[in-house]
C-alpha atoms as a PDB file:
ATOM      1  CA  MET A   1     -22.642  -1.698  10.121  1.00  0.00           C
ATOM      2  CA  SER A   2     -25.979  -3.027  10.886  1.00  0.00           C
ATOM      3  CA  SER A   3     -28.271   0.019  10.529  1.00  0.00           C
ATOM      4  CA  LYS A   4     -29.668   0.448   6.614  1.00  0.00           C
ATOM      5  CA  HIS A   5     -29.078   4.694   7.596  1.00  0.00           C
ATOM      6  CA  THR A   6     -25.905   6.785   8.646  1.00  0.00           C
ATOM      7  CA  ASN A   7     -26.443   9.757  10.671  1.00  0.00           C
ATOM      8  CA  TRP A   8     -23.540  11.425   9.385  1.00  0.00           C
ATOM      9  CA  THR A   9     -21.757  14.354  12.244  1.00  0.00           C
ATOM     10  CA  ASP A  10     -19.845  17.065  11.388  1.00  0.00           C
ATOM     11  CA  GLU A  11     -16.696  15.026  12.715  1.00  0.00           C
ATOM     12  CA  MET A  12     -17.890  12.015  10.136  1.00  0.00           C
ATOM     13  CA  ASP A  13     -17.846  14.587   7.396  1.00  0.00           C
ATOM     14  CA  ALA A  14     -14.894  16.154   8.367  1.00  0.00           C
ATOM     15  CA  TYR A  15     -13.201  12.972   8.013  1.00  0.00           C
ATOM     16  CA  LEU A  16     -14.531  11.995   5.100  1.00  0.00           C
ATOM     17  CA  VAL A  17     -13.177  15.467   3.312  1.00  0.00           C
ATOM     18  CA  ALA A  18     -10.003  14.856   4.747  1.00  0.00           C
ATOM     19  CA  HIS A  19      -9.399  11.688   3.912  1.00  0.00           C
ATOM     20  CA  TYR A  20     -11.219  10.436   0.518  1.00  0.00           C
ATOM     21  CA  HIS A  21      -8.414  11.343  -1.379  1.00  0.00           C
ATOM     22  CA  SER A  22      -5.732   9.178  -0.002  1.00  0.00           C
ATOM     23  CA  LYS A  23      -7.722   6.266   1.404  1.00  0.00           C
ATOM     24  CA  ALA A  24      -9.747   3.987  -0.139  1.00  0.00           C
ATOM     25  CA  ALA A  25     -13.543   4.244   0.451  1.00  0.00           C
ATOM     26  CA  SER A  26     -13.955   0.800   2.295  1.00  0.00           C
ATOM     27  CA  GLN A  27     -11.187   1.743   4.506  1.00  0.00           C
ATOM     28  CA  ILE A  28     -13.116   4.902   5.661  1.00  0.00           C
ATOM     29  CA  ALA A  29     -16.023   3.110   5.867  1.00  0.00           C
ATOM     30  CA  THR A  30     -14.581   0.637   8.333  1.00  0.00           C
ATOM     31  CA  GLU A  31     -13.065   3.731  10.265  1.00  0.00           C
ATOM     32  CA  LEU A  32     -16.337   5.513  10.392  1.00  0.00           C
ATOM     33  CA  GLN A  33     -18.107   2.022  11.096  1.00  0.00           C
ATOM     34  CA  THR A  34     -20.914   2.672   7.990  1.00  0.00           C
ATOM     35  CA  SER A  35     -21.172   1.016   4.730  1.00  0.00           C
ATOM     36  CA  LYS A  36     -18.867   2.035   1.858  1.00  0.00           C
ATOM     37  CA  GLN A  37     -22.102   2.806   0.018  1.00  0.00           C
ATOM     38  CA  ALA A  38     -23.024   5.089   2.444  1.00  0.00           C
ATOM     39  CA  VAL A  39     -19.093   6.877   2.082  1.00  0.00           C
ATOM     40  CA  LEU A  40     -19.307   7.142  -1.794  1.00  0.00           C
ATOM     41  CA  ARG A  41     -22.839   8.639  -1.463  1.00  0.00           C
ATOM     42  CA  ARG A  42     -22.347  10.963   1.266  1.00  0.00           C
ATOM     43  CA  ALA A  43     -18.628  12.213  -0.827  1.00  0.00           C
ATOM     44  CA  ARG A  44     -21.137  12.622  -4.138  1.00  0.00           C
ATOM     45  CA  LYS A  45     -23.228  14.792  -1.848  1.00  0.00           C
ATOM     46  CA  LEU A  46     -20.291  16.620  -0.357  1.00  0.00           C
ATOM     47  CA  ASP A  47     -18.834  16.876  -3.627  1.00  0.00           C
ATOM     48  CA  VAL A  48     -15.459  15.480  -2.282  1.00  0.00           C
ATOM     49  CA  LYS A  49     -13.687  13.975  -5.341  1.00  0.00           C
ATOM     50  CA  ARG A  50     -10.901  11.644  -5.448  1.00  0.00           C
ATOM     51  CA  LYS A  51      -7.637  13.725  -6.476  1.00  0.00           C
ATOM     52  CA  THR A  52      -7.516  12.032 -10.327  1.00  0.00           C
ATOM     53  CA  GLU A  53     -11.053  13.458 -10.998  1.00  0.00           C
ATOM     54  CA  SER A  54     -10.286  16.836 -10.170  1.00  0.00           C
ATOM     55  CA  ASP A  55      -8.959  18.594 -12.590  1.00  0.00           C
ATOM     56  CA  SER A  56      -7.443  21.335 -10.227  1.00  0.00           C
ATOM     57  CA  ALA A  57      -5.927  19.115  -7.648  1.00  0.00           C
ATOM     58  CA  GLU A  58      -2.340  18.802  -7.260  1.00  0.00           C
ATOM     59  CA  ARG A  59      -0.358  15.866  -7.065  1.00  0.00           C
ATOM     60  CA  ALA A  60       0.295  14.796  -3.571  1.00  0.00           C
ATOM     61  CA  THR A  61       4.010  16.005  -2.936  1.00  0.00           C
ATOM     62  CA  TYR A  62       6.594  14.139  -0.541  1.00  0.00           C
ATOM     63  CA  THR A  63       8.162  15.272   1.837  1.00  0.00           C
ATOM     64  CA  ALA A  64      12.073  15.445   1.676  1.00  0.00           C
ATOM     65  CA  GLU A  65      11.767  12.915   4.712  1.00  0.00           C
ATOM     66  CA  GLU A  66       9.422  10.665   2.636  1.00  0.00           C
ATOM     67  CA  ASP A  67      11.942  11.123  -0.291  1.00  0.00           C
ATOM     68  CA  ALA A  68      14.872  10.361   2.142  1.00  0.00           C
ATOM     69  CA  TYR A  69      12.736   7.307   3.472  1.00  0.00           C
ATOM     70  CA  ILE A  70      12.094   5.508   0.086  1.00  0.00           C
ATOM     71  CA  LYS A  71      16.319   6.275  -0.676  1.00  0.00           C
ATOM     72  CA  ASP A  72      17.037   4.445   2.090  1.00  0.00           C
ATOM     73  CA  SER A  73      14.600   1.832   2.434  1.00  0.00           C
ATOM     74  CA  ILE A  74      13.368   0.269  -0.823  1.00  0.00           C
ATOM     75  CA  GLU A  75      16.234  -1.796  -1.118  1.00  0.00           C
ATOM     76  CA  GLN A  76      16.390  -3.198   1.948  1.00  0.00           C
ATOM     77  CA  GLN A  77      12.186  -3.463   2.896  1.00  0.00           C
ATOM     78  CA  GLY A  78      10.831  -3.622  -0.672  1.00  0.00           C
ATOM     79  CA  ILE A  79       8.367  -1.348  -2.540  1.00  0.00           C
ATOM     80  CA  GLU A  80       4.935  -2.836  -0.471  1.00  0.00           C
ATOM     81  CA  ALA A  81       6.942  -1.841   3.076  1.00  0.00           C
ATOM     82  CA  VAL A  82       7.914   1.337   1.775  1.00  0.00           C
ATOM     83  CA  ALA A  83       4.098   2.256   0.562  1.00  0.00           C
ATOM     84  CA  GLU A  84       2.658   0.945   3.576  1.00  0.00           C
ATOM     85  CA  HIS A  85       4.582   3.030   6.080  1.00  0.00           C
ATOM     86  CA  LEU A  86       4.201   6.416   3.911  1.00  0.00           C
ATOM     87  CA  ASN A  87       0.722   5.534   3.154  1.00  0.00           C
ATOM     88  CA  ARG A  88       0.719   5.795  -0.419  1.00  0.00           C
ATOM     89  CA  SER A  89      -0.306   2.974  -3.009  1.00  0.00           C
ATOM     90  CA  ILE A  90       2.716   1.123  -4.715  1.00  0.00           C
ATOM     91  CA  ASN A  91       2.381   2.771  -7.727  1.00  0.00           C
ATOM     92  CA  ALA A  92       2.978   6.001  -6.283  1.00  0.00           C
ATOM     93  CA  VAL A  93       5.885   4.779  -4.622  1.00  0.00           C
ATOM     94  CA  ARG A  94       7.241   3.066  -7.625  1.00  0.00           C
ATOM     95  CA  LYS A  95       6.766   6.490  -9.786  1.00  0.00           C
ATOM     96  CA  ARG A  96       8.342   8.288  -7.047  1.00  0.00           C
ATOM     97  CA  ALA A  97      11.182   6.578  -6.346  1.00  0.00           C
ATOM     98  CA  GLN A  98      12.143   6.656 -10.433  1.00  0.00           C
ATOM     99  CA  ARG A  99      11.765  10.183 -10.248  1.00  0.00           C
ATOM    100  CA  LEU A 100      14.947  10.328  -7.821  1.00  0.00           C
ATOM    101  CA  GLY A 101      16.801   7.780  -9.668  1.00  0.00           C
ATOM    102  CA  VAL A 102      16.231   4.930  -7.179  1.00  0.00           C
ATOM    103  CA  SER A 103      16.344   1.760  -8.972  1.00  0.00           C
ATOM    104  CA  THR A 104      12.834  -0.409  -7.759  1.00  0.00           C
ATOM    105  CA  ALA A 105      14.001  -3.665  -9.475  1.00  0.00           C
ATOM    106  CA  SER A 106      14.633  -6.377  -7.573  1.00  0.00           C
ATOM    107  CA  HIS A 107      18.348  -6.976  -6.823  1.00  0.00           C
ATOM    108  CA  VAL A 108      17.814 -10.804  -5.851  1.00  0.00           C
ATOM    109  CA  LYS A 109      20.146 -12.631  -4.226  1.00  0.00           C
ATOM    110  CA  ALA A 110      20.365 -16.440  -4.938  1.00  0.00           C
ATOM    111  CA  LEU A 111      19.027 -19.276  -2.507  1.00  0.00           C
ATOM    112  CA  THR A 112      21.170 -21.395  -0.675  1.00  0.00           C
ATOM    113  CA  GLU A 113      19.913 -24.693  -0.664  1.00  0.00           C
ATOM    114  CA  GLU A 114      18.783 -25.025   2.741  1.00  0.00           C
ATOM    115  CA  GLU A 115      16.844 -21.506   1.787  1.00  0.00           C
ATOM    116  CA  GLN A 116      15.600 -23.271  -1.558  1.00  0.00           C
ATOM    117  CA  GLN A 117      14.139 -26.396   0.426  1.00  0.00           C
ATOM    118  CA  TYR A 118      12.413 -24.032   3.237  1.00  0.00           C
ATOM    119  CA  LEU A 119      10.390 -21.827   0.767  1.00  0.00           C
ATOM    120  CA  GLU A 120       9.308 -24.989  -1.377  1.00  0.00           C
ATOM    121  CA  GLN A 121       7.909 -26.587   2.010  1.00  0.00           C
ATOM    122  CA  ASN A 122       6.204 -23.375   3.307  1.00  0.00           C
ATOM    123  CA  LEU A 123       5.108 -22.112  -0.100  1.00  0.00           C
ATOM    124  CA  GLY A 124       1.153 -21.646   0.138  1.00  0.00           C
ATOM    125  CA  ILE A 125       1.107 -22.366   3.878  1.00  0.00           C
ATOM    126  CA  LYS A 126       2.744 -19.032   5.130  1.00  0.00           C
ATOM    127  CA  SER A 127       2.766 -15.696   3.919  1.00  0.00           C
ATOM    128  CA  TYR A 128       5.488 -14.222   1.759  1.00  0.00           C
ATOM    129  CA  ALA A 129       6.344 -11.992   4.622  1.00  0.00           C
ATOM    130  CA  GLU A 130       6.768 -14.461   7.037  1.00  0.00           C
ATOM    131  CA  ILE A 131       8.974 -16.467   5.120  1.00  0.00           C
ATOM    132  CA  GLY A 132      11.187 -13.575   4.097  1.00  0.00           C
ATOM    133  CA  GLN A 133      11.597 -12.727   8.077  1.00  0.00           C
ATOM    134  CA  VAL A 134      12.937 -16.506   8.514  1.00  0.00           C
ATOM    135  CA  LEU A 135      15.067 -16.286   5.336  1.00  0.00           C
ATOM    136  CA  ASN A 136      16.034 -12.665   6.078  1.00  0.00           C
ATOM    137  CA  ARG A 137      14.719 -11.342   2.816  1.00  0.00           C
ATOM    138  CA  ASN A 138      11.725  -8.945   1.970  1.00  0.00           C
ATOM    139  CA  ALA A 139       8.683 -10.422   0.824  1.00  0.00           C
ATOM    140  CA  ASP A 140       9.162  -9.094  -3.092  1.00  0.00           C
ATOM    141  CA  ALA A 141      12.462 -11.231  -2.836  1.00  0.00           C
ATOM    142  CA  VAL A 142      10.172 -14.265  -1.832  1.00  0.00           C
ATOM    143  CA  ARG A 143       7.535 -13.925  -4.381  1.00  0.00           C
ATOM    144  CA  TRP A 144      10.129 -13.686  -7.266  1.00  0.00           C
ATOM    145  CA  HIS A 145      12.155 -16.965  -5.942  1.00  0.00           C
ATOM    146  CA  ALA A 146       8.365 -18.772  -6.054  1.00  0.00           C
ATOM    147  CA  ARG A 147       7.609 -17.573  -9.159  1.00  0.00           C
ATOM    148  CA  LYS A 148      10.497 -18.838 -10.293  1.00  0.00           C
ATOM    149  CA  LEU A 149       9.917 -22.221  -8.826  1.00  0.00           C
ATOM    150  CA  ARG A 150       6.761 -22.354 -10.729  1.00  0.00           C
ATOM    151  CA  ARG A 151       8.365 -21.931 -13.721  1.00  0.00           C
END
């Protein structure tokens, strides 16, 4: 935002209070068209805290639908895609999957010779997700194979 001062409205305050515990300050700033520092100052002024900062804050609960989505999707889509879909951090989804008894370990299938060549040719040019779309693999699996190549 070009202005040095943010004129906070009641709607902006309400949005900040509703999302400060679950979204990054920079993301809130973008959505409210202000600076990250303005968001942090306003949160401090309103005494809004992140859940991890508050002793009385309860852990964000998962719905039965979210648990089912984790169970059904994590192996095929990868933890990053599931976390993005649920609007939660990768670590939070990983911990929840472990509590649900869902393995987050990569069961990475070996690449064919053609897939290996495609990966080598496109590594550093395309994103892991783009390569994964062509190879019909998730980004985590592509990243695993890329690290294996570098060894």
